[in-house]
Amino acid sequence: MQVIKTKINKNTQQYKDNHAGMMKLVEKLQKHLTDSRFEGKDKHIDRARQRGKLLARERIELLLDPDSPFLELLPLAGMNRKGGFGTGGTNVSGIGIVSGKLCMINSNVGTRKGGSVDYHTAFKAARINEITLENRLPSINLVESGGANLPDQAKIFNYGGASFRDITQRSELGIPTISVVFGNATAGGAYIPGMSDYAIFQKEKAKVFLAGPPLVKMATNEEVDDESLGGAEMHSRVSGVSDYLAEDEYDGIRLAREIMETISVASPHLLPEGTIEEPLYDTEEILGVVSHDVKIPFDARELIMRVVDGSRFSEFKPEYGKSMVTGWTNIHGYPVGIIANNGVIFSEDANKGTQFIQLCNKNDIPLIFMQNTTGYMVGKKYEEGGIIKNGAKLINAVSNSKVPAITLMIGASYGAGNYGMNGRSYNPRFLFTYPNHKIGVMGAEQLAGVMEIVQRASAKSLGQEFDEKKMAAAKMMLMAEAESKSSAWYSSSELWDDGVIDPRETRNCLGFALAVLYSQPIKGSDSFGVFRM
């Protein structure tokens, strides 16, 4: 593959402005991620320490293989929700390596609202289950939860039961779940270990029952203590709900690692061999390359060359459809096809992207979509040129592509461009976002401008005087709301992505995600819908 050369001059004002602007956004990201790592008030943490308990993230650290990576997912879920449990909810989730095997890990934050499940935590768990199934990952649950947050029960009850279904369906497919119970697992939460393939209960600490002593007293008038009702020793020796009785937390984690050693997983589809070339350019430069303001264009090739192995990129159709960049490369030794935007999508770009997706499917190569587009080009000339049918071809190809895909939001994602570039509704295996990202039907200014044009036309048709002051105020309000709800922070809070990442971590993030994709067989498709010619 050819090495691609940079055209960036780091001494230009644009580069310096981009770097400064992106640094501010990255600092904001770090603040939000710090908030997501909050594990409860000091008094709750102190109480846990007095009881000899580890915190949720400490349990994950002990579970993982030493010095191995951990890809945390959806850390900003629920960030903007009033009345919720805060950034990230009450569950820490991500993919790591345990006993040499890729695993999905879920750890309840028992020191934050007792590990109870609020609205966004429930939907975060649902997305984690999707990722687990799609990538056929064994999962390990580190359980300490008070169950559903009762004020949210009307919103999550009907959906919450799907998590139990998901565990059993994965089990039927030979994708095991291990649950280690360190504390309460009450009511519906009792079914998490109950439906797992392997259940480990901590002695004197695990309390697993469908109804606690007070509810049992109310329902049956039976008086019983929580240990005899649902303690670890009872479940290990009498009910059989527990498979292993752990002496303490460390022993429970040891047992989980031991079980993972015995679990059979498919051999990876591909393991990179030989020396992996680093990019020729410093990843720090990404902050100066990628525009902090999505209104300012930049060349996606400048990002690609700072992410891929040896800055080598075999570009496909470089002279045709120049607003879309397509080509083949490797990231951490894994072959991949990249589709990236350089702005608006014209008919030529859509046709080029469609053909490229077909080629990747023919050759069983995964795809990475790098989104930075204002959408499909509009206007009389472009409608006559078939922008609808050509745009539809790209959406058709994305919809029916069978090779796994990762989507990275590196700038704007407006209109149907989001669909043609494999947005959330097209089920990419992973979707990550840069902190400069904007998403919506259109930009805030365009949205306000369209509203003004429509209302002016309406007033004229009705013979009414147009209220300029009222319109100015309405435009400001609409733009402010559209701007806030199109941000990366809102997007991640609403689980439209799997995490906002520091652009400098792009290579590592994509490399880890590709390792997950390549852990299973990759097979493309010869079958697509009817392409309107």
Protein backbone atom coordinates (compact mmCIF):
# COMPACT_ATOMS: atom_id res chain seq x y z
CA MET A 1 0.00 0.00 0.00
CA GLN A 2 1.10 3.53 -0.74
CA VAL A 3 2.21 5.84 2.08
CA ILE A 4 0.08 8.99 2.01
CA LYS A 5 1.84 12.28 2.68
CA THR A 6 0.48 15.10 4.79
CA LYS A 7 -0.27 18.53 3.40
CA ILE A 8 -0.73 20.05 6.84
CA ASN A 9 1.44 22.94 7.97
CA LYS A 10 1.43 23.01 11.77
CA ASN A 11 2.46 26.66 11.75
CA THR A 12 -0.75 27.88 10.13
CA GLN A 13 -3.34 29.74 12.18
CA GLN A 14 -6.03 27.23 11.19
CA TYR A 15 -4.02 24.34 12.61
CA LYS A 16 -3.34 26.25 15.82
CA ASP A 17 -6.99 27.29 16.18
CA ASN A 18 -8.18 23.72 15.58
CA HIS A 19 -5.73 22.35 18.13
CA ALA A 20 -6.75 24.89 20.76
CA GLY A 21 -10.47 24.40 20.07
CA MET A 22 -10.23 20.60 20.17
CA MET A 23 -8.18 20.73 23.37
CA LYS A 24 -11.02 22.65 25.05
CA LEU A 25 -13.48 19.98 23.89
CA VAL A 26 -11.18 17.17 25.07
CA GLU A 27 -10.88 18.85 28.47
CA LYS A 28 -14.67 18.99 28.62
CA LEU A 29 -14.77 15.29 27.72
CA GLN A 30 -12.31 14.47 30.51
CA LYS A 31 -14.51 16.34 32.99
CA HIS A 32 -17.57 14.37 31.91
CA LEU A 33 -15.62 11.09 32.10
CA THR A 34 -14.46 12.04 35.60
CA ASP A 35 -18.12 12.57 36.55
CA SER A 36 -18.94 9.13 35.12
CA ARG A 37 -16.37 7.56 37.46
CA PHE A 38 -18.18 8.89 40.54
CA GLU A 39 -18.96 5.83 42.65
CA GLY A 40 -21.03 7.39 45.40
CA LYS A 41 -20.79 9.82 48.28
CA ASP A 42 -17.90 9.53 50.70
CA LYS A 43 -20.15 8.18 53.44
CA HIS A 44 -21.35 5.36 51.19
CA ILE A 45 -17.83 4.51 50.09
CA ASP A 46 -16.59 4.62 53.71
CA ARG A 47 -19.39 2.26 54.73
CA ALA A 48 -18.43 -0.12 51.92
CA ARG A 49 -14.80 -0.02 53.02
CA GLN A 50 -15.81 -0.79 56.60
CA ARG A 51 -17.67 -3.84 55.33
CA GLY A 52 -14.61 -4.99 53.39
CA LYS A 53 -16.15 -4.28 50.00
CA LEU A 54 -14.34 -3.33 46.82
CA LEU A 55 -15.68 -0.64 44.48
CA ALA A 56 -17.11 -1.48 41.06
CA ARG A 57 -14.05 -0.37 39.08
CA GLU A 58 -11.66 -2.08 41.50
CA ARG A 59 -13.47 -5.36 40.87
CA ILE A 60 -13.04 -4.90 37.12
CA GLU A 61 -9.34 -4.14 37.53
CA LEU A 62 -8.78 -7.32 39.53
CA LEU A 63 -10.79 -9.39 37.05
CA LEU A 64 -8.83 -8.26 33.97
CA ASP A 65 -5.57 -9.84 32.89
CA PRO A 66 -2.65 -7.73 34.20
CA ASP A 67 -1.73 -4.76 31.99
CA SER A 68 -4.47 -5.59 29.48
CA PRO A 69 -6.75 -2.94 27.90
CA PHE A 70 -10.35 -2.23 28.85
CA LEU A 71 -12.71 -0.57 26.36
CA GLU A 72 -15.37 1.12 28.47
CA LEU A 73 -18.71 1.55 26.68
CA LEU A 74 -21.47 4.14 27.12
CA PRO A 75 -19.77 5.96 30.01
CA LEU A 76 -21.83 9.14 29.45
CA ALA A 77 -25.27 7.48 29.33
CA GLY A 78 -27.88 9.56 31.15
CA MET A 79 -25.56 12.54 31.57
CA ASN A 80 -28.22 15.16 30.79
CA ARG A 81 -31.19 13.49 32.44
CA LYS A 82 -32.80 15.40 35.29
CA GLY A 83 -33.74 13.14 38.17
CA GLY A 84 -31.48 10.35 36.95
CA PHE A 85 -28.61 8.75 38.80
CA GLY A 86 -25.96 10.76 36.99
CA THR A 87 -23.43 10.29 34.23
CA GLY A 88 -22.97 6.63 33.34
CA GLY A 89 -25.76 5.39 35.59
CA THR A 90 -25.10 2.66 38.13
CA ASN A 91 -23.30 0.18 35.90
CA VAL A 92 -19.75 0.16 34.52
CA SER A 93 -19.61 -1.82 31.29
CA GLY A 94 -16.95 -2.62 28.74
CA ILE A 95 -14.86 -5.19 26.92
CA GLY A 96 -11.68 -6.59 28.43
CA ILE A 97 -9.44 -9.64 28.44
CA VAL A 98 -9.95 -12.26 31.16
CA SER A 99 -7.84 -15.42 31.17
CA GLY A 100 -6.72 -14.54 27.66
CA LYS A 101 -10.27 -14.22 26.27
CA LEU A 102 -12.27 -11.19 25.18
CA CYS A 103 -15.22 -10.72 27.53
CA MET A 104 -18.02 -8.27 28.15
CA ILE A 105 -17.84 -7.11 31.77
CA ASN A 106 -20.67 -5.46 33.72
CA SER A 107 -20.06 -4.18 37.24
CA ASN A 108 -22.86 -2.72 39.39
CA VAL A 109 -21.92 0.43 41.30
CA GLY A 110 -23.31 -0.68 44.65
CA THR A 111 -22.14 2.50 46.39
CA ARG A 112 -24.22 4.69 44.07
CA LYS A 113 -27.92 4.53 44.87
CA GLY A 114 -27.38 0.97 46.06
CA GLY A 115 -26.73 -0.09 42.48
CA SER A 116 -30.42 0.41 41.65
CA VAL A 117 -31.30 0.63 37.97
CA ASP A 118 -32.68 3.89 36.61
CA TYR A 119 -34.02 4.60 33.13
CA HIS A 120 -30.73 5.17 31.33
CA THR A 121 -28.93 2.37 33.18
CA ALA A 122 -31.62 -0.03 31.93
CA PHE A 123 -31.21 1.07 28.32
CA LYS A 124 -27.45 1.07 28.67
CA ALA A 125 -27.72 -2.59 29.72
CA ALA A 126 -29.89 -3.29 26.67
CA ARG A 127 -27.28 -1.84 24.31
CA ILE A 128 -24.52 -3.78 26.09
CA ASN A 129 -26.54 -6.96 25.55
CA GLU A 130 -26.76 -6.16 21.83
CA ILE A 131 -23.01 -5.76 21.56
CA THR A 132 -22.46 -8.95 23.56
CA LEU A 133 -24.69 -11.01 21.27
CA GLU A 134 -23.52 -9.52 17.95
CA ASN A 135 -19.90 -10.18 18.83
CA ARG A 136 -20.58 -13.49 20.63
CA LEU A 137 -18.71 -12.40 23.74
CA PRO A 138 -18.82 -14.37 26.99
CA SER A 139 -19.93 -12.01 29.74
CA ILE A 140 -19.11 -11.57 33.41
CA ASN A 141 -21.53 -9.77 35.74
CA LEU A 142 -20.17 -8.37 39.00
CA VAL A 143 -23.45 -8.08 40.87
CA GLU A 144 -24.48 -5.79 43.71
CA SER A 145 -27.80 -4.12 42.97
CA GLY A 146 -31.02 -3.14 44.64
CA GLY A 147 -32.93 -3.84 41.42
CA ALA A 148 -35.19 -1.40 39.58
CA ASN A 149 -35.45 2.17 40.80
CA LEU A 150 -39.11 2.24 41.78
CA PRO A 151 -39.88 5.79 40.53
CA ASP A 152 -38.68 4.63 37.09
CA GLN A 153 -40.48 1.29 37.14
CA ALA A 154 -43.27 2.36 34.78
CA LYS A 155 -40.67 3.27 32.15
CA ILE A 156 -38.37 0.29 32.48
CA PHE A 157 -40.50 -2.67 33.64
CA ASN A 158 -41.63 -3.84 30.20
CA TYR A 159 -38.15 -3.43 28.74
CA GLY A 160 -36.15 -4.67 31.72
CA GLY A 161 -37.27 -8.26 31.32
CA ALA A 162 -35.42 -8.44 28.00
CA SER A 163 -32.10 -8.67 29.87
CA PHE A 164 -33.14 -12.05 31.30
CA ARG A 165 -34.24 -13.22 27.86
CA ASP A 166 -30.92 -12.09 26.40
CA ILE A 167 -28.89 -14.14 28.92
CA THR A 168 -30.80 -17.33 28.14
CA GLN A 169 -30.72 -16.78 24.37
CA ARG A 170 -26.95 -16.31 24.49
CA SER A 171 -26.68 -19.47 26.57
CA GLU A 172 -28.64 -21.38 23.93
CA LEU A 173 -26.11 -20.17 21.35
CA GLY A 174 -23.21 -21.31 23.51
CA ILE A 175 -22.26 -17.79 24.68
CA PRO A 176 -21.89 -18.17 28.46
CA THR A 177 -22.55 -15.72 31.29
CA ILE A 178 -20.79 -15.78 34.65
CA SER A 179 -22.30 -13.88 37.58
CA VAL A 180 -20.39 -13.09 40.75
CA VAL A 181 -22.73 -11.83 43.48
CA PHE A 182 -21.12 -9.62 46.14
CA GLY A 183 -24.26 -8.21 47.76
CA ASN A 184 -27.96 -7.76 47.10
CA ALA A 185 -29.62 -9.20 44.02
CA THR A 186 -33.28 -8.74 44.82
CA ALA A 187 -36.55 -9.35 42.96
CA GLY A 188 -35.88 -9.25 39.19
CA GLY A 189 -32.19 -8.87 39.97
CA ALA A 190 -32.21 -12.41 41.39
CA TYR A 191 -32.79 -13.73 37.88
CA ILE A 192 -29.43 -12.39 36.68
CA PRO A 193 -27.45 -15.08 38.57
CA GLY A 194 -30.40 -17.47 38.29
CA MET A 195 -30.23 -17.44 34.50
CA SER A 196 -26.46 -17.33 34.21
CA ASP A 197 -24.47 -20.37 33.12
CA TYR A 198 -22.23 -20.02 36.19
CA ALA A 199 -23.12 -18.36 39.51
CA ILE A 200 -20.63 -17.48 42.25
CA PHE A 201 -21.97 -16.21 45.60
CA GLN A 202 -19.83 -14.48 48.23
CA LYS A 203 -20.11 -16.03 51.67
CA GLU A 204 -22.10 -13.96 54.20
CA LYS A 205 -22.50 -11.08 51.72
CA ALA A 206 -24.60 -12.30 48.76
CA LYS A 207 -28.34 -11.91 49.36
CA VAL A 208 -30.42 -13.30 46.52
CA PHE A 209 -34.20 -13.59 46.83
CA LEU A 210 -37.36 -12.72 44.93
CA ALA A 211 -38.76 -10.96 48.00
CA GLY A 212 -36.90 -9.76 51.06
CA PRO A 213 -37.95 -10.48 54.67
CA PRO A 214 -40.35 -7.47 54.95
CA LEU A 215 -42.26 -8.41 51.78
CA VAL A 216 -42.33 -12.09 52.78
CA LYS A 217 -43.83 -11.03 56.12
CA MET A 218 -46.49 -8.97 54.38
CA ALA A 219 -47.30 -11.63 51.78
CA THR A 220 -47.22 -14.80 53.90
CA ASN A 221 -46.84 -13.65 57.52
CA GLU A 222 -43.65 -15.71 57.65
CA GLU A 223 -40.80 -14.26 59.67
CA VAL A 224 -37.38 -15.06 58.29
CA ASP A 225 -33.94 -13.44 58.28
CA ASP A 226 -32.22 -12.50 55.03
CA GLU A 227 -29.37 -15.01 55.43
CA SER A 228 -31.61 -18.06 55.74
CA LEU A 229 -33.98 -16.65 53.12
CA GLY A 230 -31.41 -15.96 50.41
CA GLY A 231 -27.87 -16.11 51.76
CA ALA A 232 -24.90 -17.51 49.86
CA GLU A 233 -24.55 -20.64 52.01
CA MET A 234 -28.23 -21.55 51.69
CA HIS A 235 -28.13 -21.13 47.91
CA SER A 236 -24.86 -23.09 47.68
CA ARG A 237 -25.94 -25.99 49.94
CA VAL A 238 -29.75 -26.12 49.73
CA SER A 239 -31.38 -24.36 46.75
CA GLY A 240 -28.54 -24.93 44.25
CA VAL A 241 -28.90 -21.44 42.77
CA SER A 242 -25.21 -20.88 43.52
CA ASP A 243 -22.55 -23.04 41.87
CA TYR A 244 -19.57 -21.75 43.85
CA LEU A 245 -19.28 -20.36 47.39
CA ALA A 246 -16.58 -17.69 47.50
CA GLU A 247 -14.85 -16.87 50.78
CA ASP A 248 -14.51 -13.18 49.93
CA GLU A 249 -14.50 -10.81 46.95
CA TYR A 250 -10.99 -11.75 45.88
CA ASP A 251 -11.93 -15.42 45.92
CA GLY A 252 -15.06 -14.70 43.87
CA ILE A 253 -13.01 -12.88 41.23
CA ARG A 254 -10.43 -15.70 41.26
CA LEU A 255 -13.20 -18.22 40.63
CA ALA A 256 -14.56 -16.16 37.71
CA ARG A 257 -11.10 -16.08 36.12
CA GLU A 258 -10.73 -19.82 36.72
CA ILE A 259 -14.06 -20.53 35.03
CA MET A 260 -13.05 -18.37 32.04
CA GLU A 261 -9.98 -20.60 31.64
CA THR A 262 -12.27 -23.59 31.08
CA ILE A 263 -14.74 -21.89 28.74
CA SER A 264 -14.34 -22.75 25.07
CA VAL A 265 -14.48 -19.84 22.65
CA ALA A 266 -14.02 -19.84 18.88
CA SER A 267 -10.53 -19.27 17.57
CA PRO A 268 -10.06 -15.71 16.29
CA HIS A 269 -10.80 -15.26 12.60
CA LEU A 270 -7.49 -13.45 12.29
CA LEU A 271 -4.54 -12.66 14.54
CA PRO A 272 -2.12 -10.05 13.20
CA GLU A 273 1.38 -11.37 12.62
CA GLY A 274 4.74 -9.67 12.33
CA THR A 275 5.67 -6.14 13.29
CA ILE A 276 2.84 -3.61 13.39
CA GLU A 277 3.83 -0.29 11.83
CA GLU A 278 2.88 2.85 13.73
CA PRO A 279 1.55 5.83 11.75
CA LEU A 280 4.27 8.09 10.38
CA TYR A 281 2.64 11.10 12.00
CA ASP A 282 2.10 11.98 15.65
CA THR A 283 -1.44 11.24 16.86
CA GLU A 284 -1.30 14.54 18.77
CA GLU A 285 -1.61 16.23 15.38
CA ILE A 286 -5.16 14.91 15.02
CA LEU A 287 -6.32 17.74 17.28
CA GLY A 288 -4.99 20.28 14.78
CA VAL A 289 -6.21 18.37 11.72
CA VAL A 290 -9.84 17.74 12.69
CA SER A 291 -11.89 20.95 12.76
CA HIS A 292 -13.24 21.86 16.18
CA ASP A 293 -16.08 23.65 14.36
CA VAL A 294 -18.00 21.38 11.96
CA LYS A 295 -18.58 24.35 9.64
CA ILE A 296 -14.87 24.32 8.78
CA PRO A 297 -13.96 21.59 6.24
CA PHE A 298 -10.93 19.32 6.52
CA ASP A 299 -9.51 16.45 4.47
CA ALA A 300 -10.34 13.07 5.99
CA ARG A 301 -7.11 11.68 4.52
CA GLU A 302 -5.18 13.76 7.06
CA LEU A 303 -6.98 11.90 9.85
CA ILE A 304 -6.65 8.50 8.17
CA MET A 305 -2.87 8.78 7.77
CA ARG A 306 -2.54 9.46 11.53
CA VAL A 307 -4.57 6.37 12.46
CA VAL A 308 -3.61 3.54 10.09
CA ASP A 309 -0.56 1.29 10.09
CA GLY A 310 2.47 2.97 8.50
CA SER A 311 0.18 5.73 7.16
CA ARG A 312 -0.43 3.31 4.25
CA PHE A 313 -3.73 3.64 2.40
CA SER A 314 -4.78 2.10 -0.91
CA GLU A 315 -7.31 4.65 -2.12
CA PHE A 316 -10.17 3.45 -4.35
CA LYS A 317 -11.41 5.72 -7.16
CA PRO A 318 -9.38 8.75 -5.97
CA GLU A 319 -10.31 10.87 -9.03
CA TYR A 320 -14.05 10.18 -8.88
CA GLY A 321 -16.53 11.35 -6.26
CA LYS A 322 -13.96 13.49 -4.50
CA SER A 323 -16.20 14.40 -1.56
CA MET A 324 -15.96 10.80 -0.39
CA VAL A 325 -12.70 9.02 0.44
CA THR A 326 -12.65 5.22 0.12
CA GLY A 327 -9.85 2.72 0.39
CA TRP A 328 -8.20 -0.23 2.08
CA THR A 329 -5.70 -0.23 4.92
CA ASN A 330 -4.72 -1.95 8.18
CA ILE A 331 -5.17 -0.81 11.77
CA HIS A 332 -3.08 -2.68 14.36
CA GLY A 333 -2.60 -5.36 11.70
CA TYR A 334 -6.31 -5.83 10.97
CA PRO A 335 -7.43 -5.32 7.34
CA VAL A 336 -10.26 -2.82 6.97
CA GLY A 337 -12.04 -0.71 4.37
CA ILE A 338 -12.60 2.97 5.17
CA ILE A 339 -15.35 5.25 3.87
CA ALA A 340 -14.92 8.88 4.92
CA ASN A 341 -16.67 12.14 4.04
CA ASN A 342 -15.12 15.36 2.90
CA GLY A 343 -18.43 17.19 3.20
CA VAL A 344 -21.68 17.00 1.24
CA ILE A 345 -22.51 13.75 -0.62
CA PHE A 346 -22.98 14.09 -4.39
CA SER A 347 -24.33 11.38 -6.72
CA GLU A 348 -20.79 10.37 -7.69
CA ASP A 349 -19.87 9.93 -4.03
CA ALA A 350 -22.91 7.78 -3.36
CA ASN A 351 -22.18 5.56 -6.37
CA LYS A 352 -18.53 5.22 -5.37
CA GLY A 353 -19.44 4.33 -1.77
CA THR A 354 -21.98 1.77 -2.98
CA GLN A 355 -19.43 0.02 -5.18
CA PHE A 356 -16.83 0.08 -2.40
CA ILE A 357 -19.23 -1.55 0.09
CA GLN A 358 -19.93 -4.29 -2.46
CA LEU A 359 -16.21 -4.90 -2.92
CA CYS A 360 -15.61 -5.15 0.83
CA ASN A 361 -18.42 -7.68 1.05
CA LYS A 362 -16.94 -9.68 -1.83
CA ASN A 363 -13.60 -9.79 -0.02
CA ASP A 364 -14.93 -10.26 3.55
CA ILE A 365 -13.34 -7.03 4.82
CA PRO A 366 -14.93 -5.05 7.69
CA LEU A 367 -15.81 -1.40 7.18
CA ILE A 368 -15.13 1.80 9.09
CA PHE A 369 -17.36 4.77 8.29
CA MET A 370 -15.97 8.20 9.20
CA GLN A 371 -18.89 10.62 9.18
CA ASN A 372 -18.45 14.31 8.40
CA THR A 373 -21.25 15.33 6.09
CA THR A 374 -24.04 17.89 5.80
CA GLY A 375 -26.05 15.27 3.90
CA TYR A 376 -26.93 14.71 0.25
CA MET A 377 -26.62 17.61 -2.19
CA VAL A 378 -29.89 19.41 -2.99
CA GLY A 379 -31.07 21.63 -5.84
CA LYS A 380 -32.68 21.38 -9.28
CA LYS A 381 -29.50 20.27 -11.05
CA TYR A 382 -28.85 17.49 -8.53
CA GLU A 383 -32.45 16.28 -8.44
CA GLU A 384 -32.36 15.99 -12.23
CA GLY A 385 -29.06 14.14 -11.88
CA GLY A 386 -30.71 11.49 -9.72
CA ILE A 387 -29.44 12.32 -6.25
CA ILE A 388 -32.40 10.48 -4.73
CA LYS A 389 -31.82 7.21 -6.58
CA ASN A 390 -28.06 7.40 -6.12
CA GLY A 391 -28.37 8.25 -2.44
CA ALA A 392 -30.80 5.36 -2.12
CA LYS A 393 -28.18 3.00 -3.60
CA LEU A 394 -25.76 3.90 -0.81
CA ILE A 395 -28.41 3.39 1.85
CA ASN A 396 -29.36 0.08 0.18
CA ALA A 397 -25.73 -1.08 0.27
CA VAL A 398 -25.28 -0.04 3.92
CA SER A 399 -28.55 -1.72 4.92
CA ASN A 400 -27.71 -5.06 3.29
CA SER A 401 -23.96 -5.19 3.89
CA LYS A 402 -23.07 -8.24 5.97
CA VAL A 403 -19.47 -7.47 6.92
CA PRO A 404 -19.27 -5.95 10.40
CA ALA A 405 -18.87 -2.19 10.54
CA ILE A 406 -17.70 0.52 12.92
CA THR A 407 -18.91 4.10 12.63
CA LEU A 408 -16.85 7.05 13.84
CA MET A 409 -18.47 10.48 14.03
CA ILE A 410 -15.63 12.91 13.25
CA GLY A 411 -17.68 16.02 12.44
CA ALA A 412 -21.19 16.77 11.16
CA SER A 413 -23.85 14.12 10.62
CA TYR A 414 -26.90 15.76 9.09
CA GLY A 415 -29.95 14.50 7.27
CA ALA A 416 -29.94 11.30 5.24
CA GLY A 417 -26.15 11.52 5.16
CA ASN A 418 -26.34 9.94 8.61
CA TYR A 419 -28.17 6.99 7.09
CA GLY A 420 -25.94 6.60 4.03
CA MET A 421 -22.90 6.63 6.31
CA ASN A 422 -24.16 3.88 8.63
CA GLY A 423 -25.66 5.87 11.50
CA ARG A 424 -27.05 4.35 14.69
CA SER A 425 -30.27 3.11 13.07
CA TYR A 426 -28.22 0.96 10.67
CA ASN A 427 -26.74 -1.09 13.51
CA PRO A 428 -22.98 -0.70 13.26
CA ARG A 429 -21.23 -3.07 15.66
CA PHE A 430 -19.72 -0.03 17.40
CA LEU A 431 -20.33 3.69 17.05
CA PHE A 432 -17.92 6.21 18.58
CA THR A 433 -18.01 9.99 18.55
CA TYR A 434 -15.54 12.88 18.65
CA PRO A 435 -16.38 15.71 21.07
CA ASN A 436 -16.85 18.18 18.16
CA HIS A 437 -19.62 16.04 16.62
CA LYS A 438 -22.99 17.51 15.63
CA ILE A 439 -26.03 15.47 14.60
CA GLY A 440 -29.52 16.31 13.42
CA VAL A 441 -31.87 16.64 10.47
CA MET A 442 -29.92 19.81 9.61
CA GLY A 443 -27.74 22.40 11.32
CA ALA A 444 -29.27 24.81 13.83
CA GLU A 445 -28.92 27.85 11.53
CA GLN A 446 -30.41 26.01 8.57
CA LEU A 447 -33.29 24.76 10.72
CA ALA A 448 -34.09 28.28 11.94
CA GLY A 449 -33.74 29.67 8.41
CA VAL A 450 -36.15 27.11 6.96
CA MET A 451 -38.67 27.89 9.69
CA GLU A 452 -38.45 31.62 8.89
CA ILE A 453 -38.95 31.06 5.15
CA VAL A 454 -42.01 28.86 5.77
CA GLN A 455 -43.58 31.31 8.24
CA ARG A 456 -42.95 34.32 5.99
CA ALA A 457 -44.64 32.50 3.12
CA SER A 458 -47.54 31.54 5.38
CA ALA A 459 -48.05 35.13 6.58
CA LYS A 460 -47.97 36.40 2.99
CA SER A 461 -50.51 33.85 1.79
CA LEU A 462 -52.87 34.83 4.62
CA GLY A 463 -52.36 38.55 4.02
CA GLN A 464 -50.96 39.04 7.52
CA GLU A 465 -48.17 41.33 8.67
CA PHE A 466 -45.00 39.43 9.53
CA ASP A 467 -43.78 40.00 13.12
CA GLU A 468 -40.02 40.50 12.80
CA LYS A 469 -39.31 40.75 16.55
CA LYS A 470 -41.30 37.62 17.35
CA MET A 471 -39.52 35.73 14.59
CA ALA A 472 -36.08 36.87 15.78
CA ALA A 473 -36.82 35.65 19.30
CA ALA A 474 -38.27 32.34 18.03
CA LYS A 475 -35.19 31.76 15.84
CA MET A 476 -32.83 32.33 18.75
CA MET A 477 -34.76 29.87 20.94
CA LEU A 478 -34.94 27.26 18.19
CA MET A 479 -31.25 27.58 17.37
CA ALA A 480 -30.24 27.26 21.04
CA GLU A 481 -32.36 24.15 21.51
CA ALA A 482 -31.21 22.58 18.24
CA GLU A 483 -27.58 23.33 19.06
CA SER A 484 -27.77 21.70 22.50
CA LYS A 485 -29.61 18.63 21.23
CA SER A 486 -27.22 18.11 18.33
CA SER A 487 -24.09 18.03 20.49
CA ALA A 488 -21.90 15.02 21.16
CA TRP A 489 -22.82 15.28 24.85
CA TYR A 490 -26.55 15.03 24.19
CA SER A 491 -26.00 12.25 21.67
CA SER A 492 -23.95 10.18 24.09
CA SER A 493 -26.29 10.87 26.99
CA GLU A 494 -29.17 9.47 24.92
CA LEU A 495 -27.14 6.35 23.97
CA TRP A 496 -26.93 7.29 20.28
CA ASP A 497 -23.27 6.29 20.43
CA ASP A 498 -21.15 3.85 22.42
CA GLY A 499 -18.87 6.56 23.76
CA VAL A 500 -17.24 9.91 23.08
CA ILE A 501 -13.51 9.43 22.60
CA ASP A 502 -10.43 11.63 22.69
CA PRO A 503 -9.46 11.87 18.98
CA ARG A 504 -5.87 11.00 19.93
CA GLU A 505 -7.16 7.59 21.09
CA THR A 506 -8.75 6.80 17.71
CA ARG A 507 -6.16 4.26 16.63
CA ASN A 508 -6.28 2.31 19.90
CA CYS A 509 -10.07 2.43 20.12
CA LEU A 510 -10.55 1.23 16.53
CA GLY A 511 -7.82 -1.39 16.91
CA PHE A 512 -9.49 -2.89 19.98
CA ALA A 513 -12.90 -2.84 18.30
CA LEU A 514 -11.43 -4.56 15.23
CA ALA A 515 -9.94 -7.25 17.46
CA VAL A 516 -13.48 -7.89 18.71
CA LEU A 517 -14.84 -8.01 15.15
CA TYR A 518 -12.10 -10.37 13.99
CA SER A 519 -12.69 -12.74 16.92
CA GLN A 520 -15.54 -14.22 14.84
CA PRO A 521 -15.74 -15.36 11.19
CA ILE A 522 -16.30 -12.47 8.77
CA LYS A 523 -18.44 -13.19 5.74
CA GLY A 524 -19.77 -10.62 3.30
CA SER A 525 -22.92 -10.70 1.19
CA ASP A 526 -23.67 -11.15 -2.51
CA SER A 527 -27.28 -10.13 -1.91
CA PHE A 528 -28.52 -6.54 -2.04
CA GLY A 529 -31.88 -4.94 -2.71
CA VAL A 530 -32.84 -3.61 -6.14
CA PHE A 531 -30.52 -0.75 -7.13
CA ARG A 532 -32.55 1.87 -9.02
CA MET A 533 -30.50 2.60 -12.15
